[in-house]
Amino acid sequence: MAATVFIVVGDSNLPAKIEQLLSASPKFHFGGAFSSSAAALKAIPSRPPDMLLVDFRLADMTSVEFILRLHPLVPELPIVIFNTELEPDLLFELLRAGAAGLLDKHVSLETIPDYLRVALDGRVALSKGIGHILAAVSEQLEGLSERERAIVSYLLAGKRQKEVATALGISERTVHTHLRRLYKKRGVRSWKSLVQKIVVPHGLGQV
């Protein structure tokens, strides 16, 4: 079944373009658009979609404030922010608020469905520029082994576990084992939770 996606936008020309792109993918269904975050906050909790795509440049409140207000009401709803500025402190703030994906302003609309698929799979959808910023932070993390830091860095840069295994000369199963041990060590159950718990707090003000 196709996942229903709603968008919250600051640009009124975007909904038609997004609808066209999502309609071309069998995995998604465009549910509609909200022209203000206030309208979205009122409607979404009672009938949440499978995923929410939010323009960073909202008119009536910041995207961080929007996530902080919506996330507690629908904590399982993946919220992907696009048109994000490449400012490290802001990126960390958005992730701490509960964003499931961050796409910078250089990402073309045509690639958005690909990123949405990543978030829908439970991973953190990061565009290349954002991934490299967070990967640089991961190299400074304390309490991780050299191998764990390498795996985290590759994953933040957008590589899949299979690609990480190839880059490090180990099996994909070994990568998975390292991640499961790291999850247990940090008291989390998912990659998204791991990013929010060890990368975001450590990285504030350091990049």
N, C-alpha and C. Protein backbone atom coordinates (compact mmCIF):
# COMPACT_ATOMS: atom_id res chain seq x y z
N MET A 1 0.84 -1.19 0.00
CA MET A 1 0.00 0.00 0.00
C MET A 1 0.88 1.25 0.00
N ALA A 2 0.50 2.22 -0.78
CA ALA A 2 1.29 3.45 -0.89
C ALA A 2 1.18 4.27 0.40
N ALA A 3 2.29 4.88 0.79
CA ALA A 3 2.33 5.72 1.98
C ALA A 3 1.80 7.11 1.65
N THR A 4 0.91 7.61 2.49
CA THR A 4 0.33 8.93 2.27
C THR A 4 1.25 10.02 2.82
N VAL A 5 1.55 10.99 1.98
CA VAL A 5 2.44 12.09 2.36
C VAL A 5 1.68 13.42 2.27
N PHE A 6 1.72 14.18 3.34
CA PHE A 6 1.22 15.55 3.33
C PHE A 6 2.43 16.49 3.39
N ILE A 7 2.26 17.69 2.88
CA ILE A 7 3.35 18.66 2.98
C ILE A 7 2.85 19.94 3.62
N VAL A 8 3.78 20.61 4.30
CA VAL A 8 3.53 21.92 4.87
C VAL A 8 4.51 22.86 4.19
N VAL A 9 4.00 23.87 3.50
CA VAL A 9 4.86 24.67 2.63
C VAL A 9 4.79 26.16 2.91
N GLY A 10 5.86 26.84 2.49
CA GLY A 10 5.89 28.28 2.54
C GLY A 10 5.74 28.86 1.14
N ASP A 11 5.96 28.01 0.13
CA ASP A 11 5.86 28.41 -1.27
C ASP A 11 4.64 27.75 -1.89
N SER A 12 3.68 28.55 -2.32
CA SER A 12 2.42 28.01 -2.84
C SER A 12 2.58 27.27 -4.17
N ASN A 13 3.73 27.42 -4.82
CA ASN A 13 3.95 26.74 -6.10
C ASN A 13 4.43 25.31 -5.93
N LEU A 14 4.85 24.96 -4.71
CA LEU A 14 5.44 23.65 -4.49
C LEU A 14 4.45 22.48 -4.51
N PRO A 15 3.27 22.58 -3.93
CA PRO A 15 2.40 21.40 -3.85
C PRO A 15 2.18 20.67 -5.16
N ALA A 16 1.93 21.41 -6.25
CA ALA A 16 1.68 20.76 -7.54
C ALA A 16 2.91 19.98 -8.01
N LYS A 17 4.09 20.54 -7.79
CA LYS A 17 5.33 19.87 -8.20
C LYS A 17 5.56 18.61 -7.37
N ILE A 18 5.33 18.73 -6.06
CA ILE A 18 5.51 17.58 -5.18
C ILE A 18 4.49 16.49 -5.51
N GLU A 19 3.25 16.89 -5.75
CA GLU A 19 2.21 15.92 -6.10
C GLU A 19 2.59 15.14 -7.35
N GLN A 20 3.11 15.82 -8.35
CA GLN A 20 3.51 15.18 -9.59
C GLN A 20 4.61 14.15 -9.36
N LEU A 21 5.58 14.50 -8.54
CA LEU A 21 6.70 13.61 -8.25
C LEU A 21 6.25 12.39 -7.46
N LEU A 22 5.42 12.61 -6.46
CA LEU A 22 4.96 11.50 -5.63
C LEU A 22 4.01 10.58 -6.39
N SER A 23 3.24 11.16 -7.28
CA SER A 23 2.30 10.36 -8.07
C SER A 23 3.02 9.40 -9.01
N ALA A 24 4.25 9.75 -9.37
CA ALA A 24 5.04 8.90 -10.27
C ALA A 24 5.66 7.72 -9.53
N SER A 25 5.58 7.71 -8.21
CA SER A 25 6.15 6.63 -7.42
C SER A 25 5.04 5.74 -6.86
N PRO A 26 5.15 4.42 -7.05
CA PRO A 26 4.11 3.52 -6.53
C PRO A 26 4.12 3.43 -5.01
N LYS A 27 5.18 3.95 -4.37
CA LYS A 27 5.28 3.85 -2.92
C LYS A 27 4.60 4.98 -2.18
N PHE A 28 4.21 6.04 -2.91
CA PHE A 28 3.66 7.21 -2.23
C PHE A 28 2.34 7.67 -2.82
N HIS A 29 1.57 8.29 -1.95
CA HIS A 29 0.31 8.93 -2.35
C HIS A 29 0.31 10.34 -1.76
N PHE A 30 0.10 11.33 -2.60
CA PHE A 30 0.06 12.71 -2.13
C PHE A 30 -1.30 12.99 -1.50
N GLY A 31 -1.29 13.26 -0.18
CA GLY A 31 -2.54 13.46 0.52
C GLY A 31 -3.06 14.88 0.50
N GLY A 32 -2.14 15.84 0.30
CA GLY A 32 -2.56 17.23 0.29
C GLY A 32 -1.50 18.12 0.90
N ALA A 33 -1.81 19.41 0.96
CA ALA A 33 -0.84 20.39 1.46
C ALA A 33 -1.49 21.36 2.43
N PHE A 34 -0.70 21.81 3.39
CA PHE A 34 -1.11 22.86 4.31
C PHE A 34 -0.29 24.11 3.99
N SER A 35 -0.97 25.24 3.90
CA SER A 35 -0.27 26.49 3.58
C SER A 35 0.25 27.20 4.81
N SER A 36 -0.09 26.66 5.99
CA SER A 36 0.43 27.24 7.23
C SER A 36 0.66 26.13 8.24
N SER A 37 1.63 26.34 9.13
CA SER A 37 1.91 25.34 10.15
C SER A 37 0.78 25.28 11.17
N ALA A 38 0.10 26.39 11.39
CA ALA A 38 -1.03 26.40 12.33
C ALA A 38 -2.13 25.46 11.87
N ALA A 39 -2.42 25.50 10.57
CA ALA A 39 -3.45 24.62 10.02
C ALA A 39 -3.03 23.16 10.14
N ALA A 40 -1.75 22.89 9.89
CA ALA A 40 -1.24 21.52 9.99
C ALA A 40 -1.32 21.01 11.42
N LEU A 41 -0.94 21.84 12.38
CA LEU A 41 -0.97 21.44 13.79
C LEU A 41 -2.39 21.13 14.25
N LYS A 42 -3.35 21.79 13.67
CA LYS A 42 -4.75 21.57 14.04
C LYS A 42 -5.30 20.28 13.44
N ALA A 43 -4.92 19.97 12.20
CA ALA A 43 -5.52 18.84 11.49
C ALA A 43 -4.79 17.51 11.64
N ILE A 44 -3.47 17.54 11.67
CA ILE A 44 -2.69 16.30 11.59
C ILE A 44 -2.88 15.36 12.77
N PRO A 45 -2.89 15.81 14.02
CA PRO A 45 -3.00 14.86 15.14
C PRO A 45 -4.22 13.96 15.08
N SER A 46 -5.34 14.44 14.55
CA SER A 46 -6.55 13.62 14.50
C SER A 46 -6.54 12.63 13.35
N ARG A 47 -5.85 12.97 12.25
CA ARG A 47 -5.76 12.07 11.10
C ARG A 47 -4.35 12.12 10.52
N PRO A 48 -3.37 11.56 11.23
CA PRO A 48 -1.99 11.67 10.78
C PRO A 48 -1.72 10.87 9.50
N PRO A 49 -0.93 11.42 8.59
CA PRO A 49 -0.53 10.68 7.39
C PRO A 49 0.59 9.71 7.74
N ASP A 50 1.14 9.04 6.76
CA ASP A 50 2.27 8.14 7.00
C ASP A 50 3.58 8.91 7.09
N MET A 51 3.60 10.10 6.49
CA MET A 51 4.82 10.90 6.47
C MET A 51 4.47 12.36 6.22
N LEU A 52 5.31 13.25 6.76
CA LEU A 52 5.09 14.68 6.59
C LEU A 52 6.36 15.32 6.04
N LEU A 53 6.19 16.10 4.97
CA LEU A 53 7.29 16.83 4.35
C LEU A 53 7.07 18.31 4.64
N VAL A 54 8.05 18.94 5.27
CA VAL A 54 7.87 20.31 5.76
C VAL A 54 8.94 21.23 5.19
N ASP A 55 8.49 22.35 4.65
CA ASP A 55 9.40 23.37 4.14
C ASP A 55 10.06 24.07 5.33
N PHE A 56 11.38 24.15 5.30
CA PHE A 56 12.10 24.83 6.37
C PHE A 56 11.66 26.28 6.52
N ARG A 57 11.28 26.89 5.41
CA ARG A 57 10.95 28.31 5.39
C ARG A 57 9.44 28.53 5.62
N LEU A 58 8.97 28.17 6.78
CA LEU A 58 7.56 28.39 7.12
C LEU A 58 7.34 29.86 7.44
N ALA A 59 6.12 30.33 7.19
CA ALA A 59 5.84 31.75 7.37
C ALA A 59 5.44 32.11 8.79
N ASP A 60 4.72 31.20 9.47
CA ASP A 60 4.12 31.57 10.76
C ASP A 60 4.86 31.06 11.99
N MET A 61 5.86 30.21 11.83
CA MET A 61 6.70 29.78 12.94
C MET A 61 7.93 29.09 12.38
N THR A 62 8.95 28.90 13.21
CA THR A 62 10.14 28.22 12.72
C THR A 62 9.85 26.73 12.58
N SER A 63 10.62 26.05 11.73
CA SER A 63 10.43 24.62 11.55
C SER A 63 10.76 23.86 12.83
N VAL A 64 11.70 24.35 13.62
CA VAL A 64 12.03 23.72 14.90
C VAL A 64 10.83 23.79 15.83
N GLU A 65 10.23 24.97 15.94
CA GLU A 65 9.06 25.14 16.78
C GLU A 65 7.92 24.25 16.32
N PHE A 66 7.75 24.14 15.00
CA PHE A 66 6.68 23.29 14.46
C PHE A 66 6.87 21.84 14.88
N ILE A 67 8.09 21.32 14.74
CA ILE A 67 8.34 19.93 15.13
C ILE A 67 8.14 19.73 16.62
N LEU A 68 8.63 20.67 17.42
CA LEU A 68 8.50 20.56 18.87
C LEU A 68 7.04 20.53 19.31
N ARG A 69 6.18 21.20 18.57
CA ARG A 69 4.75 21.22 18.92
C ARG A 69 4.02 20.00 18.39
N LEU A 70 4.43 19.50 17.21
CA LEU A 70 3.72 18.38 16.60
C LEU A 70 4.22 17.02 17.07
N HIS A 71 5.51 16.88 17.24
CA HIS A 71 6.11 15.57 17.54
C HIS A 71 5.53 14.90 18.79
N PRO A 72 5.30 15.62 19.89
CA PRO A 72 4.71 14.95 21.06
C PRO A 72 3.30 14.42 20.82
N LEU A 73 2.59 15.03 19.87
CA LEU A 73 1.22 14.62 19.58
C LEU A 73 1.16 13.39 18.68
N VAL A 74 2.13 13.27 17.77
CA VAL A 74 2.22 12.11 16.86
C VAL A 74 3.69 11.68 16.77
N PRO A 75 4.21 11.08 17.84
CA PRO A 75 5.65 10.77 17.92
C PRO A 75 6.15 9.79 16.86
N GLU A 76 5.27 8.98 16.30
CA GLU A 76 5.70 8.00 15.31
C GLU A 76 5.68 8.55 13.89
N LEU A 77 5.21 9.77 13.71
CA LEU A 77 5.11 10.36 12.37
C LEU A 77 6.49 10.85 11.90
N PRO A 78 7.01 10.28 10.80
CA PRO A 78 8.29 10.76 10.27
C PRO A 78 8.12 12.16 9.65
N ILE A 79 8.92 13.11 10.11
CA ILE A 79 8.86 14.48 9.61
C ILE A 79 10.17 14.79 8.91
N VAL A 80 10.09 15.06 7.62
CA VAL A 80 11.28 15.38 6.83
C VAL A 80 11.25 16.87 6.48
N ILE A 81 12.34 17.56 6.79
CA ILE A 81 12.45 18.99 6.52
C ILE A 81 13.28 19.20 5.26
N PHE A 82 12.78 20.02 4.34
CA PHE A 82 13.57 20.33 3.14
C PHE A 82 13.82 21.84 3.05
N ASN A 83 14.75 22.21 2.19
CA ASN A 83 15.22 23.60 2.07
C ASN A 83 15.97 24.06 3.32
N THR A 84 16.55 23.10 4.05
CA THR A 84 17.25 23.42 5.28
C THR A 84 18.57 24.14 4.99
N GLU A 85 18.89 25.12 5.84
CA GLU A 85 20.18 25.81 5.74
C GLU A 85 21.27 24.90 6.28
N LEU A 86 22.49 25.05 5.74
CA LEU A 86 23.61 24.23 6.18
C LEU A 86 24.34 24.89 7.36
N GLU A 87 23.61 25.07 8.44
CA GLU A 87 24.17 25.64 9.66
C GLU A 87 24.18 24.55 10.73
N PRO A 88 25.37 24.11 11.17
CA PRO A 88 25.45 22.96 12.09
C PRO A 88 24.55 23.04 13.30
N ASP A 89 24.56 24.15 14.03
CA ASP A 89 23.73 24.23 15.23
C ASP A 89 22.25 24.04 14.90
N LEU A 90 21.82 24.58 13.77
CA LEU A 90 20.43 24.44 13.35
C LEU A 90 20.11 23.00 13.01
N LEU A 91 21.02 22.32 12.33
CA LEU A 91 20.81 20.91 11.97
C LEU A 91 20.64 20.07 13.22
N PHE A 92 21.50 20.29 14.20
CA PHE A 92 21.42 19.54 15.45
C PHE A 92 20.12 19.83 16.18
N GLU A 93 19.69 21.09 16.14
CA GLU A 93 18.45 21.47 16.80
C GLU A 93 17.25 20.78 16.17
N LEU A 94 17.23 20.69 14.84
CA LEU A 94 16.14 20.03 14.13
C LEU A 94 16.09 18.54 14.46
N LEU A 95 17.25 17.89 14.52
CA LEU A 95 17.30 16.47 14.85
C LEU A 95 16.88 16.23 16.30
N ARG A 96 17.33 17.09 17.19
CA ARG A 96 16.93 16.95 18.58
C ARG A 96 15.43 17.12 18.74
N ALA A 97 14.84 17.96 17.93
CA ALA A 97 13.39 18.18 18.01
C ALA A 97 12.61 16.96 17.55
N GLY A 98 13.26 16.10 16.73
CA GLY A 98 12.59 14.88 16.28
C GLY A 98 12.47 14.70 14.79
N ALA A 99 13.19 15.51 13.99
CA ALA A 99 13.14 15.37 12.54
C ALA A 99 13.67 14.01 12.11
N ALA A 100 12.98 13.38 11.15
CA ALA A 100 13.40 12.08 10.63
C ALA A 100 14.26 12.24 9.37
N GLY A 101 14.38 13.47 8.89
CA GLY A 101 15.17 13.71 7.70
C GLY A 101 15.43 15.20 7.52
N LEU A 102 16.61 15.51 6.96
CA LEU A 102 16.98 16.89 6.68
C LEU A 102 17.56 16.98 5.27
N LEU A 103 16.96 17.79 4.44
CA LEU A 103 17.41 17.97 3.07
C LEU A 103 17.78 19.43 2.88
N ASP A 104 19.00 19.70 2.43
CA ASP A 104 19.43 21.08 2.31
C ASP A 104 18.81 21.74 1.07
N LYS A 105 18.99 23.04 0.97
CA LYS A 105 18.31 23.82 -0.08
C LYS A 105 18.86 23.55 -1.48
N HIS A 106 19.97 22.79 -1.57
CA HIS A 106 20.54 22.48 -2.88
C HIS A 106 19.97 21.19 -3.47
N VAL A 107 19.17 20.46 -2.69
CA VAL A 107 18.59 19.20 -3.16
C VAL A 107 17.47 19.49 -4.16
N SER A 108 17.51 18.82 -5.30
CA SER A 108 16.46 19.03 -6.30
C SER A 108 15.18 18.32 -5.88
N LEU A 109 14.06 18.89 -6.28
CA LEU A 109 12.77 18.30 -5.94
C LEU A 109 12.65 16.87 -6.46
N GLU A 110 13.27 16.59 -7.60
CA GLU A 110 13.15 15.26 -8.21
C GLU A 110 13.70 14.15 -7.32
N THR A 111 14.62 14.48 -6.41
CA THR A 111 15.22 13.44 -5.56
C THR A 111 14.47 13.26 -4.23
N ILE A 112 13.50 14.11 -3.97
CA ILE A 112 12.79 14.03 -2.68
C ILE A 112 12.14 12.68 -2.44
N PRO A 113 11.46 12.05 -3.43
CA PRO A 113 10.89 10.72 -3.16
C PRO A 113 11.93 9.70 -2.70
N ASP A 114 13.16 9.79 -3.21
CA ASP A 114 14.21 8.87 -2.79
C ASP A 114 14.52 9.05 -1.30
N TYR A 115 14.60 10.29 -0.87
CA TYR A 115 14.87 10.56 0.54
C TYR A 115 13.69 10.14 1.42
N LEU A 116 12.49 10.32 0.92
CA LEU A 116 11.31 9.91 1.69
C LEU A 116 11.30 8.40 1.91
N ARG A 117 11.76 7.66 0.91
CA ARG A 117 11.83 6.20 1.06
C ARG A 117 12.79 5.82 2.18
N VAL A 118 13.89 6.56 2.29
CA VAL A 118 14.87 6.30 3.36
C VAL A 118 14.20 6.52 4.73
N ALA A 119 13.51 7.64 4.89
CA ALA A 119 12.84 7.94 6.16
C ALA A 119 11.73 6.95 6.45
N LEU A 120 11.03 6.51 5.41
CA LEU A 120 9.95 5.55 5.58
C LEU A 120 10.48 4.21 6.07
N ASP A 121 11.72 3.89 5.72
CA ASP A 121 12.35 2.65 6.16
C ASP A 121 12.87 2.73 7.59
N GLY A 122 12.68 3.89 8.23
CA GLY A 122 13.12 4.04 9.61
C GLY A 122 14.52 4.57 9.78
N ARG A 123 15.15 4.94 8.66
CA ARG A 123 16.49 5.52 8.73
C ARG A 123 16.39 7.04 8.76
N VAL A 124 17.51 7.70 9.00
CA VAL A 124 17.54 9.17 9.00
C VAL A 124 17.91 9.62 7.59
N ALA A 125 17.02 10.35 6.95
CA ALA A 125 17.26 10.81 5.58
C ALA A 125 18.04 12.11 5.60
N LEU A 126 19.29 12.06 5.17
CA LEU A 126 20.15 13.24 5.17
C LEU A 126 20.69 13.48 3.78
N SER A 127 20.57 14.71 3.30
CA SER A 127 21.18 15.04 2.02
C SER A 127 22.70 15.04 2.18
N LYS A 128 23.40 15.00 1.07
CA LYS A 128 24.85 14.81 1.09
C LYS A 128 25.58 15.86 1.92
N GLY A 129 25.23 17.14 1.71
CA GLY A 129 25.91 18.20 2.45
C GLY A 129 25.71 18.09 3.94
N ILE A 130 24.49 17.78 4.35
CA ILE A 130 24.18 17.64 5.78
C ILE A 130 24.87 16.41 6.35
N GLY A 131 24.86 15.33 5.60
CA GLY A 131 25.51 14.10 6.06
C GLY A 131 26.98 14.30 6.33
N HIS A 132 27.66 15.05 5.48
CA HIS A 132 29.09 15.29 5.65
C HIS A 132 29.36 16.14 6.90
N ILE A 133 28.49 17.09 7.18
CA ILE A 133 28.65 17.90 8.39
C ILE A 133 28.54 17.02 9.64
N LEU A 134 27.52 16.17 9.67
CA LEU A 134 27.33 15.31 10.84
C LEU A 134 28.40 14.22 10.93
N ALA A 135 28.88 13.76 9.78
CA ALA A 135 29.94 12.76 9.78
C ALA A 135 31.21 13.33 10.38
N ALA A 136 31.49 14.59 10.10
CA ALA A 136 32.67 15.24 10.67
C ALA A 136 32.55 15.30 12.19
N VAL A 137 31.35 15.52 12.69
CA VAL A 137 31.13 15.55 14.12
C VAL A 137 31.36 14.17 14.72
N SER A 138 30.92 13.13 14.02
CA SER A 138 31.03 11.76 14.55
C SER A 138 32.47 11.36 14.79
N GLU A 139 33.40 11.94 14.04
CA GLU A 139 34.81 11.62 14.21
C GLU A 139 35.34 12.11 15.55
N GLN A 140 34.61 13.04 16.18
CA GLN A 140 35.04 13.59 17.46
C GLN A 140 34.37 12.92 18.65
N LEU A 141 33.48 11.98 18.39
CA LEU A 141 32.73 11.36 19.48
C LEU A 141 33.62 10.54 20.40
N GLU A 142 33.41 10.72 21.68
CA GLU A 142 34.14 9.95 22.68
C GLU A 142 33.35 8.70 23.03
N GLY A 143 34.04 7.69 23.51
CA GLY A 143 33.36 6.48 23.96
C GLY A 143 33.05 5.49 22.86
N LEU A 144 33.51 5.77 21.63
CA LEU A 144 33.32 4.84 20.53
C LEU A 144 34.66 4.27 20.11
N SER A 145 34.65 3.01 19.69
CA SER A 145 35.87 2.42 19.16
C SER A 145 36.15 3.02 17.79
N GLU A 146 37.36 2.82 17.29
CA GLU A 146 37.71 3.34 15.96
C GLU A 146 36.78 2.76 14.90
N ARG A 147 36.46 1.48 15.01
CA ARG A 147 35.57 0.85 14.04
C ARG A 147 34.16 1.42 14.13
N GLU A 148 33.68 1.63 15.37
CA GLU A 148 32.35 2.20 15.54
C GLU A 148 32.27 3.60 14.96
N ARG A 149 33.30 4.41 15.18
CA ARG A 149 33.32 5.76 14.63
C ARG A 149 33.30 5.73 13.11
N ALA A 150 34.03 4.79 12.54
CA ALA A 150 34.07 4.68 11.08
C ALA A 150 32.71 4.31 10.53
N ILE A 151 32.05 3.35 11.16
CA ILE A 151 30.72 2.92 10.71
C ILE A 151 29.72 4.06 10.82
N VAL A 152 29.70 4.74 11.95
CA VAL A 152 28.78 5.87 12.15
C VAL A 152 29.03 6.96 11.12
N SER A 153 30.31 7.26 10.87
CA SER A 153 30.67 8.30 9.92
C SER A 153 30.18 7.97 8.52
N TYR A 154 30.40 6.74 8.08
CA TYR A 154 29.96 6.31 6.74
C TYR A 154 28.43 6.37 6.62
N LEU A 155 27.74 5.91 7.65
CA LEU A 155 26.28 5.90 7.60
C LEU A 155 25.71 7.32 7.57
N LEU A 156 26.32 8.22 8.32
CA LEU A 156 25.87 9.61 8.32
C LEU A 156 26.12 10.28 6.97
N ALA A 157 27.15 9.82 6.28
CA ALA A 157 27.45 10.38 4.96
C ALA A 157 26.55 9.80 3.87
N GLY A 158 25.62 8.92 4.27
CA GLY A 158 24.62 8.44 3.32
C GLY A 158 24.84 7.05 2.76
N LYS A 159 25.86 6.35 3.24
CA LYS A 159 26.12 5.00 2.72
C LYS A 159 25.21 3.98 3.41
N ARG A 160 24.84 2.94 2.66
CA ARG A 160 24.08 1.83 3.22
C ARG A 160 25.04 0.87 3.90
N GLN A 161 24.49 -0.04 4.72
CA GLN A 161 25.34 -0.97 5.46
C GLN A 161 26.20 -1.82 4.53
N LYS A 162 25.65 -2.20 3.38
CA LYS A 162 26.42 -2.99 2.43
C LYS A 162 27.62 -2.20 1.91
N GLU A 163 27.41 -0.91 1.64
CA GLU A 163 28.49 -0.06 1.15
C GLU A 163 29.53 0.19 2.23
N VAL A 164 29.07 0.31 3.48
CA VAL A 164 29.99 0.49 4.60
C VAL A 164 30.88 -0.74 4.74
N ALA A 165 30.28 -1.91 4.62
CA ALA A 165 31.03 -3.16 4.73
C ALA A 165 32.13 -3.23 3.66
N THR A 166 31.78 -2.87 2.43
CA THR A 166 32.75 -2.88 1.34
C THR A 166 33.88 -1.89 1.61
N ALA A 167 33.54 -0.70 2.07
CA ALA A 167 34.54 0.33 2.33
C ALA A 167 35.51 -0.07 3.43
N LEU A 168 35.01 -0.80 4.43
CA LEU A 168 35.84 -1.19 5.57
C LEU A 168 36.45 -2.58 5.42
N GLY A 169 36.09 -3.29 4.35
CA GLY A 169 36.64 -4.62 4.13
C GLY A 169 36.13 -5.65 5.11
N ILE A 170 34.88 -5.51 5.54
CA ILE A 170 34.28 -6.46 6.47
C ILE A 170 32.93 -6.90 5.89
N SER A 171 32.30 -7.87 6.53
CA SER A 171 31.02 -8.35 6.03
C SER A 171 29.89 -7.42 6.49
N GLU A 172 28.80 -7.48 5.75
CA GLU A 172 27.64 -6.68 6.13
C GLU A 172 27.10 -7.14 7.48
N ARG A 173 27.22 -8.43 7.75
CA ARG A 173 26.77 -8.96 9.04
C ARG A 173 27.59 -8.38 10.18
N THR A 174 28.90 -8.17 9.94
CA THR A 174 29.76 -7.58 10.97
C THR A 174 29.36 -6.14 11.25
N VAL A 175 29.02 -5.40 10.19
CA VAL A 175 28.55 -4.03 10.36
C VAL A 175 27.29 -4.04 11.23
N HIS A 176 26.37 -4.94 10.89
CA HIS A 176 25.12 -5.03 11.64
C HIS A 176 25.39 -5.37 13.10
N THR A 177 26.33 -6.28 13.35
CA THR A 177 26.66 -6.68 14.72
C THR A 177 27.23 -5.50 15.51
N HIS A 178 28.11 -4.73 14.89
CA HIS A 178 28.68 -3.54 15.54
C HIS A 178 27.57 -2.55 15.90
N LEU A 179 26.63 -2.37 14.99
CA LEU A 179 25.54 -1.44 15.25
C LEU A 179 24.65 -1.91 16.40
N ARG A 180 24.32 -3.20 16.41
CA ARG A 180 23.48 -3.72 17.48
C ARG A 180 24.16 -3.55 18.84
N ARG A 181 25.47 -3.80 18.88
CA ARG A 181 26.21 -3.61 20.13
C ARG A 181 26.23 -2.14 20.54
N LEU A 182 26.35 -1.28 19.55
CA LEU A 182 26.37 0.16 19.83
C LEU A 182 25.00 0.62 20.32
N TYR A 183 23.94 0.09 19.72
CA TYR A 183 22.60 0.42 20.19
C TYR A 183 22.44 0.03 21.66
N LYS A 184 22.89 -1.17 21.98
CA LYS A 184 22.76 -1.67 23.36
C LYS A 184 23.59 -0.82 24.31
N LYS A 185 24.79 -0.46 23.88
CA LYS A 185 25.69 0.34 24.71
C LYS A 185 25.09 1.70 25.02
N ARG A 186 24.39 2.27 24.03
CA ARG A 186 23.83 3.61 24.20
C ARG A 186 22.36 3.60 24.63
N GLY A 187 21.81 2.41 24.82
CA GLY A 187 20.44 2.31 25.31
C GLY A 187 19.39 2.75 24.32
N VAL A 188 19.60 2.46 23.02
CA VAL A 188 18.63 2.82 21.99
C VAL A 188 18.28 1.59 21.17
N ARG A 189 17.27 1.73 20.30
CA ARG A 189 16.83 0.59 19.50
C ARG A 189 16.86 0.84 18.01
N SER A 190 17.25 2.05 17.61
CA SER A 190 17.23 2.36 16.19
C SER A 190 18.35 3.34 15.84
N TRP A 191 18.63 3.40 14.54
CA TRP A 191 19.65 4.32 14.05
C TRP A 191 19.23 5.77 14.31
N LYS A 192 17.96 6.08 14.09
CA LYS A 192 17.48 7.44 14.34
C LYS A 192 17.71 7.84 15.80
N SER A 193 17.40 6.95 16.73
CA SER A 193 17.59 7.24 18.15
C SER A 193 19.07 7.40 18.48
N LEU A 194 19.90 6.61 17.82
CA LEU A 194 21.34 6.70 18.04
C LEU A 194 21.87 8.06 17.60
N VAL A 195 21.43 8.52 16.42
CA VAL A 195 21.86 9.83 15.92
C VAL A 195 21.45 10.92 16.90
N GLN A 196 20.22 10.86 17.36
CA GLN A 196 19.71 11.88 18.26
C GLN A 196 20.41 11.85 19.62
N LYS A 197 20.84 10.67 20.03
CA LYS A 197 21.41 10.55 21.38
C LYS A 197 22.91 10.81 21.44
N ILE A 198 23.67 10.35 20.44
CA ILE A 198 25.13 10.50 20.57
C ILE A 198 25.73 11.55 19.65
N VAL A 199 25.15 11.76 18.48
CA VAL A 199 25.73 12.72 17.56
C VAL A 199 25.26 14.13 17.88
N VAL A 200 23.96 14.28 18.03
CA VAL A 200 23.40 15.62 18.18
C VAL A 200 23.87 16.33 19.45
N PRO A 201 23.71 15.75 20.65
CA PRO A 201 24.14 16.48 21.84
C PRO A 201 25.63 16.79 21.83
N HIS A 202 26.44 15.84 21.34
CA HIS A 202 27.89 16.03 21.34
C HIS A 202 28.32 17.10 20.35
N GLY A 203 27.56 17.22 19.28
CA GLY A 203 27.99 18.10 18.21
C GLY A 203 27.65 19.57 18.37
N LEU A 204 26.77 19.90 19.29
CA LEU A 204 26.33 21.28 19.41
C LEU A 204 27.50 22.24 19.61
N GLY A 205 27.63 23.19 18.70
CA GLY A 205 28.64 24.23 18.80
C GLY A 205 30.04 23.80 18.47
N GLN A 206 30.24 22.59 17.96
CA GLN A 206 31.59 22.09 17.73
C GLN A 206 32.02 22.09 16.29
N VAL A 207 31.11 22.32 15.37
CA VAL A 207 31.47 22.27 13.96
C VAL A 207 31.67 23.67 13.42
